[in-house]
Amino acid sequence: MKLSSFRYLVGQGFDNVWKNRVMAFASFCVLLVSLLLVGIAVLFYVNINAIIGGIEDKNEVIVYLSELITDERISALGDELLATDNIASVQLYTKEEAFEDLKADMSDQAIVFESLGDDNPLLDAYRIRVSDISRMDETLSITRNMADVDSVRSPDTFVELLTEVRRVVTIVAVAIIIALLIVSMVIISNTTRASVFSRRREISIMQSVGATKSFIRFPFFIEGMINGFMAGVFATILTWFAYDSLVDLLGRFDVLGTIGLGNVIPFSSIYLLVMVSYIVTGSLIGAFGSVLSTRVHLRYRAANM
C-alpha cells in the first residue's frame, strides 16, 4: 500500500467516526461498559487476594525449644529455621520475654508469680512466618523433626479456613471474569455488526467502483481502533475515580483494618498497568471487531451477487 493511500484511508477512518457518530457512540459505550465490567472484576479479585495475603502475614507459628538447649544451639537452630524452604522470617522469643509478657497479661494474678520466685517455667521459642500457608503442614513437619525442638504451636484450623477461602474466591472470580468476557464479546460483536450493516450502501458503492476488500476494511479498522482507544481512556478515568472513592469510603471504618484493608492496592501504584490494559484491549477489540464484521458482510454480499 502506498503512503498516500495509507494516509487517505487513515483520514477516512477518522472522518467516519464523526460522519457516523451515532453508531460510533454506541460502539464506544458498549466497549466502555464491557471494559469496566471485566476490569472491575479483575481488580476486585486482585484486591481480595491482597487482603487474604495480609491476613496470612499476620499468621504466626511458635516453635518451642528444648529446656536443656544451649545458647550456641539456639543461634544455630535459628539459622537452620531461616534456611528452611517456605519460612519467611524467624524471630527469637526468649523465655524471659515470654515471662514478662505473661506477667503483664495477668497483672491481677501477682500472687501466683510471687510464689514462683526466680523460677521461670517457660521455654525459649522462635516465632516464624511461612511464605505459603498452603504448604503449612509440610513446613511444620520439617520443623517438628529438627533437633532440640520441644513442640510447635500453629493455628491449623485458621490456616485450613484461609486456604479454602482463597480456593473458593479464585474459582468464583475466574468464572465471573470468563462469563463477563464472553458476554462482552457477544455484545461488542453485535454492536459492531449493526454499525457495519447500517453503512452497507457505502460499502456497496466502494465495491462498485472496484475497491479491494482490504481498501474497504482499513477505514473500519481505524474507526474501531479510535472507538476502542477512547473507551480505554474513559474506562481508566472512571475506574480511578470509583476505585479511590470506594477505598476512601471503606477506610472510614476502622473495623476494616482488622481484615487487611491496609493491603488494598493503591490505584496510584497500578494506574499505568490498568490504563495500558484498557487502551490496548479496547483498541484491539474495536479494531478487529470492525474488520471481522466487515469481512462477514463482504462475504455475505459476494455470496448473494
C-alpha atoms as a PDB file:
ATOM      1  CA  MET A   1       0.000   0.000   0.000  1.00  0.00           C
ATOM      2  CA  LYS A   2       1.347   3.419  -0.978  1.00  0.00           C
ATOM      3  CA  LEU A   3       1.950   6.044   1.710  1.00  0.00           C
ATOM      4  CA  SER A   4      -0.588   8.382   0.074  1.00  0.00           C
ATOM      5  CA  SER A   5      -3.220   5.626   0.116  1.00  0.00           C
ATOM      6  CA  PHE A   6      -2.392   4.826   3.739  1.00  0.00           C
ATOM      7  CA  ARG A   7      -2.833   8.470   4.747  1.00  0.00           C
ATOM      8  CA  TYR A   8      -6.092   8.665   2.846  1.00  0.00           C
ATOM      9  CA  LEU A   9      -7.516   5.544   4.494  1.00  0.00           C
ATOM     10  CA  VAL A  10      -6.445   6.672   7.977  1.00  0.00           C
ATOM     11  CA  GLY A  11      -8.108  10.019   7.299  1.00  0.00           C
ATOM     12  CA  GLN A  12     -11.241   8.232   6.161  1.00  0.00           C
ATOM     13  CA  GLY A  13     -11.264   6.272   9.385  1.00  0.00           C
ATOM     14  CA  PHE A  14     -11.170   9.459  11.454  1.00  0.00           C
ATOM     15  CA  ASP A  15     -13.799  11.105   9.253  1.00  0.00           C
ATOM     16  CA  ASN A  16     -16.085   8.086   9.588  1.00  0.00           C
ATOM     17  CA  VAL A  17     -16.116   8.436  13.370  1.00  0.00           C
ATOM     18  CA  TRP A  18     -17.704  11.871  13.007  1.00  0.00           C
ATOM     19  CA  LYS A  19     -19.906  11.098   9.994  1.00  0.00           C
ATOM     20  CA  ASN A  20     -21.347   8.043  11.750  1.00  0.00           C
ATOM     21  CA  ARG A  21     -21.166   9.486  15.246  1.00  0.00           C
ATOM     22  CA  VAL A  22     -24.403   7.853  16.444  1.00  0.00           C
ATOM     23  CA  MET A  23     -23.185   4.312  15.766  1.00  0.00           C
ATOM     24  CA  ALA A  24     -19.664   5.269  16.796  1.00  0.00           C
ATOM     25  CA  PHE A  25     -21.014   6.493  20.128  1.00  0.00           C
ATOM     26  CA  ALA A  26     -23.000   3.266  20.551  1.00  0.00           C
ATOM     27  CA  SER A  27     -19.869   1.201  19.909  1.00  0.00           C
ATOM     28  CA  PHE A  28     -17.912   3.417  22.303  1.00  0.00           C
ATOM     29  CA  CYS A  29     -20.495   2.929  25.063  1.00  0.00           C
ATOM     30  CA  VAL A  30     -20.585  -0.842  24.621  1.00  0.00           C
ATOM     31  CA  LEU A  31     -16.796  -1.058  24.679  1.00  0.00           C
ATOM     32  CA  LEU A  32     -16.653   1.221  27.738  1.00  0.00           C
ATOM     33  CA  VAL A  33     -19.165  -0.829  29.726  1.00  0.00           C
ATOM     34  CA  SER A  34     -17.511  -4.100  28.722  1.00  0.00           C
ATOM     35  CA  LEU A  35     -14.062  -2.882  29.734  1.00  0.00           C
ATOM     36  CA  LEU A  36     -15.397  -1.587  33.055  1.00  0.00           C
ATOM     37  CA  LEU A  37     -17.179  -4.851  33.881  1.00  0.00           C
ATOM     38  CA  VAL A  38     -14.140  -7.014  33.219  1.00  0.00           C
ATOM     39  CA  GLY A  39     -11.650  -4.518  34.675  1.00  0.00           C
ATOM     40  CA  ILE A  40     -13.553  -4.054  37.931  1.00  0.00           C
ATOM     41  CA  ALA A  41     -13.943  -7.837  38.299  1.00  0.00           C
ATOM     42  CA  VAL A  42     -10.193  -8.318  37.852  1.00  0.00           C
ATOM     43  CA  LEU A  43      -9.346  -5.506  40.303  1.00  0.00           C
ATOM     44  CA  PHE A  44     -11.771  -6.962  42.849  1.00  0.00           C
ATOM     45  CA  TYR A  45     -10.108 -10.370  42.599  1.00  0.00           C
ATOM     46  CA  VAL A  46      -6.609  -8.905  42.838  1.00  0.00           C
ATOM     47  CA  ASN A  47      -7.537  -6.960  45.969  1.00  0.00           C
ATOM     48  CA  ILE A  48      -9.272  -9.922  47.604  1.00  0.00           C
ATOM     49  CA  ASN A  49      -6.033 -11.841  47.115  1.00  0.00           C
ATOM     50  CA  ALA A  50      -4.078  -8.928  48.607  1.00  0.00           C
ATOM     51  CA  ILE A  51      -6.374  -8.821  51.642  1.00  0.00           C
ATOM     52  CA  ILE A  52      -6.060 -12.570  52.154  1.00  0.00           C
ATOM     53  CA  GLY A  53      -2.300 -12.176  51.809  1.00  0.00           C
ATOM     54  CA  GLY A  54      -2.387  -9.515  54.526  1.00  0.00           C
ATOM     55  CA  ILE A  55      -4.211 -11.902  56.835  1.00  0.00           C
ATOM     56  CA  GLU A  56      -1.649 -14.591  56.018  1.00  0.00           C
ATOM     57  CA  ASP A  57       1.148 -12.228  57.050  1.00  0.00           C
ATOM     58  CA  LYS A  58      -0.417 -11.991  60.496  1.00  0.00           C
ATOM     59  CA  ASN A  59      -0.365 -15.755  60.843  1.00  0.00           C
ATOM     60  CA  GLU A  60       2.367 -16.912  63.245  1.00  0.00           C
ATOM     61  CA  VAL A  61       3.827 -20.259  64.292  1.00  0.00           C
ATOM     62  CA  ILE A  62       5.579 -20.709  67.648  1.00  0.00           C
ATOM     63  CA  VAL A  63       8.461 -23.205  67.813  1.00  0.00           C
ATOM     64  CA  TYR A  64       9.249 -24.085  71.445  1.00  0.00           C
ATOM     65  CA  LEU A  65      12.819 -25.161  72.156  1.00  0.00           C
ATOM     66  CA  SER A  66      14.115 -27.900  74.426  1.00  0.00           C
ATOM     67  CA  GLU A  67      14.565 -26.926  78.069  1.00  0.00           C
ATOM     68  CA  LEU A  68      18.233 -28.052  78.028  1.00  0.00           C
ATOM     69  CA  ILE A  69      19.230 -26.285  74.805  1.00  0.00           C
ATOM     70  CA  THR A  70      22.430 -24.197  74.901  1.00  0.00           C
ATOM     71  CA  ASP A  71      22.814 -20.610  73.701  1.00  0.00           C
ATOM     72  CA  GLU A  72      25.051 -21.766  70.845  1.00  0.00           C
ATOM     73  CA  ARG A  73      22.483 -24.280  69.721  1.00  0.00           C
ATOM     74  CA  ILE A  74      19.687 -21.675  69.921  1.00  0.00           C
ATOM     75  CA  SER A  75      21.594 -19.479  67.473  1.00  0.00           C
ATOM     76  CA  ALA A  76      22.360 -22.407  65.182  1.00  0.00           C
ATOM     77  CA  LEU A  77      18.735 -23.554  65.216  1.00  0.00           C
ATOM     78  CA  GLY A  78      17.621 -20.052  64.266  1.00  0.00           C
ATOM     79  CA  ASP A  79      19.872 -20.170  61.195  1.00  0.00           C
ATOM     80  CA  GLU A  80      18.571 -23.641  60.370  1.00  0.00           C
ATOM     81  CA  LEU A  81      14.973 -22.472  60.552  1.00  0.00           C
ATOM     82  CA  LEU A  82      15.651 -19.417  58.400  1.00  0.00           C
ATOM     83  CA  ALA A  83      17.308 -21.602  55.763  1.00  0.00           C
ATOM     84  CA  THR A  84      14.245 -23.881  55.602  1.00  0.00           C
ATOM     85  CA  ASP A  85      12.171 -23.595  52.456  1.00  0.00           C
ATOM     86  CA  ASN A  86       8.854 -21.713  52.905  1.00  0.00           C
ATOM     87  CA  ILE A  87       9.906 -19.983  56.144  1.00  0.00           C
ATOM     88  CA  ALA A  88       9.883 -16.229  55.513  1.00  0.00           C
ATOM     89  CA  SER A  89      11.053 -14.843  58.864  1.00  0.00           C
ATOM     90  CA  VAL A  90      12.389 -16.056  62.205  1.00  0.00           C
ATOM     91  CA  GLN A  91      12.367 -14.131  65.489  1.00  0.00           C
ATOM     92  CA  LEU A  92      13.740 -15.352  68.832  1.00  0.00           C
ATOM     93  CA  TYR A  93      11.288 -15.102  71.734  1.00  0.00           C
ATOM     94  CA  THR A  94      13.220 -15.810  74.911  1.00  0.00           C
ATOM     95  CA  LYS A  95      11.615 -17.316  77.976  1.00  0.00           C
ATOM     96  CA  GLU A  96      12.447 -14.116  79.902  1.00  0.00           C
ATOM     97  CA  GLU A  97      10.477 -12.037  77.371  1.00  0.00           C
ATOM     98  CA  ALA A  98       7.630 -14.549  77.477  1.00  0.00           C
ATOM     99  CA  PHE A  99       7.565 -14.460  81.277  1.00  0.00           C
ATOM    100  CA  GLU A 100       7.413 -10.650  81.391  1.00  0.00           C
ATOM    101  CA  ASP A 101       4.612 -10.621  78.799  1.00  0.00           C
ATOM    102  CA  LEU A 102       2.724 -13.240  80.809  1.00  0.00           C
ATOM    103  CA  LYS A 103       3.012 -11.191  83.994  1.00  0.00           C
ATOM    104  CA  ALA A 104       1.767  -8.096  82.148  1.00  0.00           C
ATOM    105  CA  ASP A 105      -1.233 -10.004  80.775  1.00  0.00           C
ATOM    106  CA  MET A 106      -2.019 -11.479  84.207  1.00  0.00           C
ATOM    107  CA  SER A 107      -1.287  -8.451  86.361  1.00  0.00           C
ATOM    108  CA  ASP A 108      -4.245  -9.296  88.587  1.00  0.00           C
ATOM    109  CA  GLN A 109      -2.603 -12.616  89.493  1.00  0.00           C
ATOM    110  CA  ALA A 110       0.582 -11.174  91.004  1.00  0.00           C
ATOM    111  CA  ILE A 111       0.480 -13.617  93.918  1.00  0.00           C
ATOM    112  CA  VAL A 112       0.998 -16.529  91.533  1.00  0.00           C
ATOM    113  CA  PHE A 113       4.215 -15.053  90.153  1.00  0.00           C
ATOM    114  CA  GLU A 114       5.470 -14.149  93.627  1.00  0.00           C
ATOM    115  CA  SER A 115       5.175 -17.805  94.602  1.00  0.00           C
ATOM    116  CA  LEU A 116       7.428 -18.774  91.711  1.00  0.00           C
ATOM    117  CA  GLY A 117      10.257 -16.510  92.856  1.00  0.00           C
ATOM    118  CA  ASP A 118      13.100 -16.604  90.334  1.00  0.00           C
ATOM    119  CA  ASP A 119      11.871 -19.801  88.702  1.00  0.00           C
ATOM    120  CA  ASN A 120      10.795 -19.424  85.077  1.00  0.00           C
ATOM    121  CA  PRO A 121       8.726 -22.408  83.871  1.00  0.00           C
ATOM    122  CA  LEU A 122       8.534 -21.186  80.269  1.00  0.00           C
ATOM    123  CA  LEU A 123      10.642 -22.242  77.291  1.00  0.00           C
ATOM    124  CA  ASP A 124      12.670 -20.276  74.763  1.00  0.00           C
ATOM    125  CA  ALA A 125      10.927 -20.138  71.420  1.00  0.00           C
ATOM    126  CA  TYR A 126      11.130 -18.915  67.852  1.00  0.00           C
ATOM    127  CA  ARG A 127       8.309 -17.039  66.148  1.00  0.00           C
ATOM    128  CA  ILE A 128       8.234 -17.932  62.472  1.00  0.00           C
ATOM    129  CA  ARG A 129       6.111 -16.885  59.500  1.00  0.00           C
ATOM    130  CA  VAL A 130       5.629 -19.038  56.439  1.00  0.00           C
ATOM    131  CA  SER A 131       5.613 -17.768  52.863  1.00  0.00           C
ATOM    132  CA  ASP A 132       2.859 -20.053  51.565  1.00  0.00           C
ATOM    133  CA  ILE A 133       0.242 -21.255  54.037  1.00  0.00           C
ATOM    134  CA  SER A 134      -0.919 -23.953  51.611  1.00  0.00           C
ATOM    135  CA  ARG A 135       2.388 -25.682  52.429  1.00  0.00           C
ATOM    136  CA  MET A 136       1.980 -25.211  56.176  1.00  0.00           C
ATOM    137  CA  ASP A 137       1.737 -28.933  57.030  1.00  0.00           C
ATOM    138  CA  GLU A 138       4.889 -29.732  55.063  1.00  0.00           C
ATOM    139  CA  THR A 139       6.816 -26.917  56.771  1.00  0.00           C
ATOM    140  CA  LEU A 140       5.600 -27.850  60.256  1.00  0.00           C
ATOM    141  CA  SER A 141       6.579 -31.488  59.699  1.00  0.00           C
ATOM    142  CA  ILE A 142      10.153 -30.439  58.879  1.00  0.00           C
ATOM    143  CA  THR A 143      10.261 -28.080  61.853  1.00  0.00           C
ATOM    144  CA  ARG A 144       8.992 -30.661  64.380  1.00  0.00           C
ATOM    145  CA  ASN A 145      11.706 -33.126  63.332  1.00  0.00           C
ATOM    146  CA  MET A 146      14.551 -30.678  63.981  1.00  0.00           C
ATOM    147  CA  ALA A 147      16.844 -31.434  66.883  1.00  0.00           C
ATOM    148  CA  ASP A 148      16.165 -29.550  70.152  1.00  0.00           C
ATOM    149  CA  VAL A 149      12.606 -28.621  69.144  1.00  0.00           C
ATOM    150  CA  ASP A 150      10.230 -29.406  72.013  1.00  0.00           C
ATOM    151  CA  SER A 151       6.910 -28.641  70.311  1.00  0.00           C
ATOM    152  CA  VAL A 152       5.249 -26.454  67.692  1.00  0.00           C
ATOM    153  CA  ARG A 153       2.065 -24.418  68.069  1.00  0.00           C
ATOM    154  CA  SER A 154       0.210 -23.392  64.920  1.00  0.00           C
ATOM    155  CA  PRO A 155      -3.335 -22.184  64.083  1.00  0.00           C
ATOM    156  CA  ASP A 156      -4.212 -25.242  61.984  1.00  0.00           C
ATOM    157  CA  THR A 157      -7.959 -24.552  61.800  1.00  0.00           C
ATOM    158  CA  PHE A 158      -7.380 -20.945  60.745  1.00  0.00           C
ATOM    159  CA  VAL A 159      -4.908 -21.996  58.048  1.00  0.00           C
ATOM    160  CA  GLU A 160      -7.329 -24.577  56.632  1.00  0.00           C
ATOM    161  CA  LEU A 161     -10.131 -21.998  56.575  1.00  0.00           C
ATOM    162  CA  LEU A 162      -7.985 -19.367  54.879  1.00  0.00           C
ATOM    163  CA  THR A 163      -6.758 -21.836  52.258  1.00  0.00           C
ATOM    164  CA  GLU A 164     -10.322 -22.895  51.469  1.00  0.00           C
ATOM    165  CA  VAL A 165     -11.488 -19.265  51.240  1.00  0.00           C
ATOM    166  CA  ARG A 166      -8.721 -18.455  48.762  1.00  0.00           C
ATOM    167  CA  ARG A 167      -9.596 -21.505  46.641  1.00  0.00           C
ATOM    168  CA  VAL A 168     -13.306 -20.630  46.532  1.00  0.00           C
ATOM    169  CA  VAL A 169     -12.626 -16.953  45.792  1.00  0.00           C
ATOM    170  CA  THR A 170     -10.298 -17.899  42.933  1.00  0.00           C
ATOM    171  CA  ILE A 171     -12.812 -20.275  41.352  1.00  0.00           C
ATOM    172  CA  VAL A 172     -15.715 -17.819  41.649  1.00  0.00           C
ATOM    173  CA  ALA A 173     -13.660 -14.860  40.399  1.00  0.00           C
ATOM    174  CA  VAL A 174     -12.310 -16.744  37.373  1.00  0.00           C
ATOM    175  CA  ALA A 175     -15.822 -17.958  36.492  1.00  0.00           C
ATOM    176  CA  ILE A 176     -17.230 -14.426  36.729  1.00  0.00           C
ATOM    177  CA  ILE A 177     -14.412 -12.925  34.658  1.00  0.00           C
ATOM    178  CA  ILE A 178     -14.786 -15.571  31.930  1.00  0.00           C
ATOM    179  CA  ALA A 179     -18.564 -15.068  31.851  1.00  0.00           C
ATOM    180  CA  LEU A 180     -18.162 -11.295  31.584  1.00  0.00           C
ATOM    181  CA  LEU A 181     -15.620 -11.696  28.785  1.00  0.00           C
ATOM    182  CA  ILE A 182     -17.980 -13.922  26.801  1.00  0.00           C
ATOM    183  CA  VAL A 183     -20.966 -11.616  27.319  1.00  0.00           C
ATOM    184  CA  SER A 184     -18.874  -8.554  26.437  1.00  0.00           C
ATOM    185  CA  MET A 185     -17.562 -10.136  23.233  1.00  0.00           C
ATOM    186  CA  VAL A 186     -21.069 -11.106  22.120  1.00  0.00           C
ATOM    187  CA  ILE A 187     -22.443  -7.603  22.780  1.00  0.00           C
ATOM    188  CA  ILE A 188     -19.485  -5.920  21.088  1.00  0.00           C
ATOM    189  CA  SER A 189     -19.768  -8.240  18.076  1.00  0.00           C
ATOM    190  CA  ASN A 190     -23.469  -7.500  17.621  1.00  0.00           C
ATOM    191  CA  THR A 191     -22.987  -3.746  18.024  1.00  0.00           C
ATOM    192  CA  THR A 192     -20.115  -3.710  15.533  1.00  0.00           C
ATOM    193  CA  ARG A 193     -22.107  -5.787  13.083  1.00  0.00           C
ATOM    194  CA  ALA A 194     -25.008  -3.357  13.355  1.00  0.00           C
ATOM    195  CA  SER A 195     -22.651  -0.450  12.724  1.00  0.00           C
ATOM    196  CA  VAL A 196     -21.270  -2.088   9.591  1.00  0.00           C
ATOM    197  CA  PHE A 197     -24.735  -3.087   8.359  1.00  0.00           C
ATOM    198  CA  SER A 198     -26.005   0.484   8.721  1.00  0.00           C
ATOM    199  CA  ARG A 199     -23.353   1.512   6.174  1.00  0.00           C
ATOM    200  CA  ARG A 200     -23.971  -1.241   3.652  1.00  0.00           C
ATOM    201  CA  ARG A 201     -24.783   1.346   0.961  1.00  0.00           C
ATOM    202  CA  GLU A 202     -21.379   2.972   1.444  1.00  0.00           C
ATOM    203  CA  ILE A 203     -19.681  -0.422   1.181  1.00  0.00           C
ATOM    204  CA  SER A 204     -21.681  -1.306  -1.940  1.00  0.00           C
ATOM    205  CA  ILE A 205     -20.602   1.919  -3.680  1.00  0.00           C
ATOM    206  CA  MET A 206     -16.951   1.231  -2.842  1.00  0.00           C
ATOM    207  CA  GLN A 207     -17.270  -2.287  -4.260  1.00  0.00           C
ATOM    208  CA  SER A 208     -18.958  -0.928  -7.390  1.00  0.00           C
ATOM    209  CA  VAL A 209     -16.011   1.333  -8.208  1.00  0.00           C
ATOM    210  CA  GLY A 210     -13.583  -1.574  -7.824  1.00  0.00           C
ATOM    211  CA  ALA A 211     -12.253  -1.048  -4.295  1.00  0.00           C
ATOM    212  CA  THR A 212     -10.441  -4.086  -2.895  1.00  0.00           C
ATOM    213  CA  LYS A 213     -11.601  -5.771   0.314  1.00  0.00           C
ATOM    214  CA  SER A 214      -8.528  -4.503   2.171  1.00  0.00           C
ATOM    215  CA  PHE A 215      -9.197  -0.963   0.978  1.00  0.00           C
ATOM    216  CA  ILE A 216     -12.779  -1.202   2.273  1.00  0.00           C
ATOM    217  CA  ARG A 217     -11.885  -2.786   5.601  1.00  0.00           C
ATOM    218  CA  PHE A 218      -8.990  -0.495   6.575  1.00  0.00           C
ATOM    219  CA  PRO A 219     -11.078   2.628   7.430  1.00  0.00           C
ATOM    220  CA  PHE A 220     -13.307   0.412   9.589  1.00  0.00           C
ATOM    221  CA  PHE A 221     -10.165  -0.881  11.311  1.00  0.00           C
ATOM    222  CA  ILE A 222      -9.048   2.679  12.116  1.00  0.00           C
ATOM    223  CA  GLU A 223     -12.542   3.681  13.214  1.00  0.00           C
ATOM    224  CA  GLY A 224     -12.828   0.695  15.553  1.00  0.00           C
ATOM    225  CA  MET A 225      -9.391   1.384  16.973  1.00  0.00           C
ATOM    226  CA  ILE A 226     -10.308   5.002  17.708  1.00  0.00           C
ATOM    227  CA  ASN A 227     -13.508   3.945  19.474  1.00  0.00           C
ATOM    228  CA  GLY A 228     -11.610   1.346  21.485  1.00  0.00           C
ATOM    229  CA  PHE A 229      -8.850   3.790  22.394  1.00  0.00           C
ATOM    230  CA  MET A 230     -11.319   6.382  23.657  1.00  0.00           C
ATOM    231  CA  ALA A 231     -13.250   3.706  25.571  1.00  0.00           C
ATOM    232  CA  GLY A 232      -9.982   2.622  27.229  1.00  0.00           C
ATOM    233  CA  VAL A 233      -9.128   6.189  28.264  1.00  0.00           C
ATOM    234  CA  PHE A 234     -12.586   6.840  29.723  1.00  0.00           C
ATOM    235  CA  ALA A 235     -12.622   3.428  31.425  1.00  0.00           C
ATOM    236  CA  THR A 236      -9.342   4.305  33.161  1.00  0.00           C
ATOM    237  CA  ILE A 237     -10.694   7.641  34.399  1.00  0.00           C
ATOM    238  CA  LEU A 238     -13.965   6.149  35.664  1.00  0.00           C
ATOM    239  CA  THR A 239     -12.204   3.196  37.317  1.00  0.00           C
ATOM    240  CA  TRP A 240      -9.705   5.503  39.027  1.00  0.00           C
ATOM    241  CA  PHE A 241     -12.460   7.744  40.393  1.00  0.00           C
ATOM    242  CA  ALA A 242     -14.676   4.848  41.533  1.00  0.00           C
ATOM    243  CA  TYR A 243     -11.743   2.889  42.989  1.00  0.00           C
ATOM    244  CA  ASP A 244     -10.353   5.766  45.070  1.00  0.00           C
ATOM    245  CA  SER A 245     -13.826   6.824  46.193  1.00  0.00           C
ATOM    246  CA  LEU A 246     -14.655   3.302  47.384  1.00  0.00           C
ATOM    247  CA  VAL A 247     -11.333   2.898  49.199  1.00  0.00           C
ATOM    248  CA  ASP A 248     -11.788   6.276  50.935  1.00  0.00           C
ATOM    249  CA  LEU A 249     -15.328   5.324  51.956  1.00  0.00           C
ATOM    250  CA  LEU A 250     -14.298   1.934  53.353  1.00  0.00           C
ATOM    251  CA  GLY A 251     -11.274   3.473  55.052  1.00  0.00           C
ATOM    252  CA  ARG A 252     -13.530   5.457  57.354  1.00  0.00           C
ATOM    253  CA  PHE A 253     -14.476   2.243  59.183  1.00  0.00           C
ATOM    254  CA  ASP A 254     -11.685   1.149  61.496  1.00  0.00           C
ATOM    255  CA  VAL A 255     -13.008  -2.397  61.613  1.00  0.00           C
ATOM    256  CA  LEU A 256     -11.844  -2.948  58.015  1.00  0.00           C
ATOM    257  CA  GLY A 257      -8.261  -2.557  59.147  1.00  0.00           C
ATOM    258  CA  THR A 258      -8.561  -5.802  61.062  1.00  0.00           C
ATOM    259  CA  ILE A 259      -9.266  -7.732  57.862  1.00  0.00           C
ATOM    260  CA  GLY A 260      -6.347  -6.272  55.957  1.00  0.00           C
ATOM    261  CA  LEU A 261      -7.737  -3.094  54.382  1.00  0.00           C
ATOM    262  CA  GLY A 262      -4.178  -1.798  54.533  1.00  0.00           C
ATOM    263  CA  ASN A 263      -3.359  -4.426  51.920  1.00  0.00           C
ATOM    264  CA  VAL A 264      -5.750  -2.960  49.345  1.00  0.00           C
ATOM    265  CA  ILE A 265      -3.586  -1.980  46.395  1.00  0.00           C
ATOM    266  CA  PRO A 266      -3.432   1.821  45.889  1.00  0.00           C
ATOM    267  CA  PHE A 267      -4.653   2.706  42.406  1.00  0.00           C
ATOM    268  CA  SER A 268      -1.769   5.152  42.025  1.00  0.00           C
ATOM    269  CA  SER A 269       0.622   2.185  42.013  1.00  0.00           C
ATOM    270  CA  ILE A 270      -1.221   0.266  39.276  1.00  0.00           C
ATOM    271  CA  TYR A 271      -2.874   3.001  37.206  1.00  0.00           C
ATOM    272  CA  LEU A 272      -0.318   2.706  34.388  1.00  0.00           C
ATOM    273  CA  LEU A 273      -0.852  -1.048  34.059  1.00  0.00           C
ATOM    274  CA  VAL A 274      -4.637  -0.605  34.205  1.00  0.00           C
ATOM    275  CA  MET A 275      -4.579   2.207  31.624  1.00  0.00           C
ATOM    276  CA  VAL A 276      -2.384   0.267  29.192  1.00  0.00           C
ATOM    277  CA  SER A 277      -4.548  -2.847  29.618  1.00  0.00           C
ATOM    278  CA  TYR A 278      -7.748  -0.888  28.998  1.00  0.00           C
ATOM    279  CA  ILE A 279      -6.421   1.013  25.979  1.00  0.00           C
ATOM    280  CA  VAL A 280      -4.711  -1.941  24.312  1.00  0.00           C
ATOM    281  CA  THR A 281      -7.669  -4.288  24.906  1.00  0.00           C
ATOM    282  CA  GLY A 282     -10.231  -1.698  23.809  1.00  0.00           C
ATOM    283  CA  SER A 283      -8.269  -0.758  20.693  1.00  0.00           C
ATOM    284  CA  LEU A 284      -7.718  -4.369  19.627  1.00  0.00           C
ATOM    285  CA  ILE A 285     -11.319  -5.421  20.229  1.00  0.00           C
ATOM    286  CA  GLY A 286     -12.668  -2.325  18.487  1.00  0.00           C
ATOM    287  CA  ALA A 287     -10.335  -2.629  15.502  1.00  0.00           C
ATOM    288  CA  PHE A 288     -10.540  -6.361  14.851  1.00  0.00           C
ATOM    289  CA  GLY A 289     -14.243  -6.482  15.738  1.00  0.00           C
ATOM    290  CA  SER A 290     -14.918  -3.960  12.986  1.00  0.00           C
ATOM    291  CA  VAL A 291     -12.717  -5.802  10.498  1.00  0.00           C
ATOM    292  CA  LEU A 292     -14.327  -9.181  11.224  1.00  0.00           C
ATOM    293  CA  SER A 293     -17.828  -7.749  10.930  1.00  0.00           C
ATOM    294  CA  THR A 294     -16.910  -6.044   7.655  1.00  0.00           C
ATOM    295  CA  ARG A 295     -15.408  -9.281   6.347  1.00  0.00           C
ATOM    296  CA  VAL A 296     -18.596 -11.197   7.180  1.00  0.00           C
ATOM    297  CA  HIS A 297     -20.687  -8.559   5.406  1.00  0.00           C
ATOM    298  CA  LEU A 298     -18.471  -8.640   2.304  1.00  0.00           C
ATOM    299  CA  ARG A 299     -18.631 -12.430   2.144  1.00  0.00           C
ATOM    300  CA  TYR A 300     -22.397 -12.324   2.501  1.00  0.00           C
ATOM    301  CA  ARG A 301     -22.713  -9.813  -0.358  1.00  0.00           C
ATOM    302  CA  ALA A 302     -20.339 -11.822  -2.529  1.00  0.00           C
ATOM    303  CA  ALA A 303     -22.374 -14.979  -1.950  1.00  0.00           C
ATOM    304  CA  ASN A 304     -25.612 -13.227  -2.956  1.00  0.00           C
ATOM    305  CA  MET A 305     -24.369 -11.422  -6.065  1.00  0.00           C
END
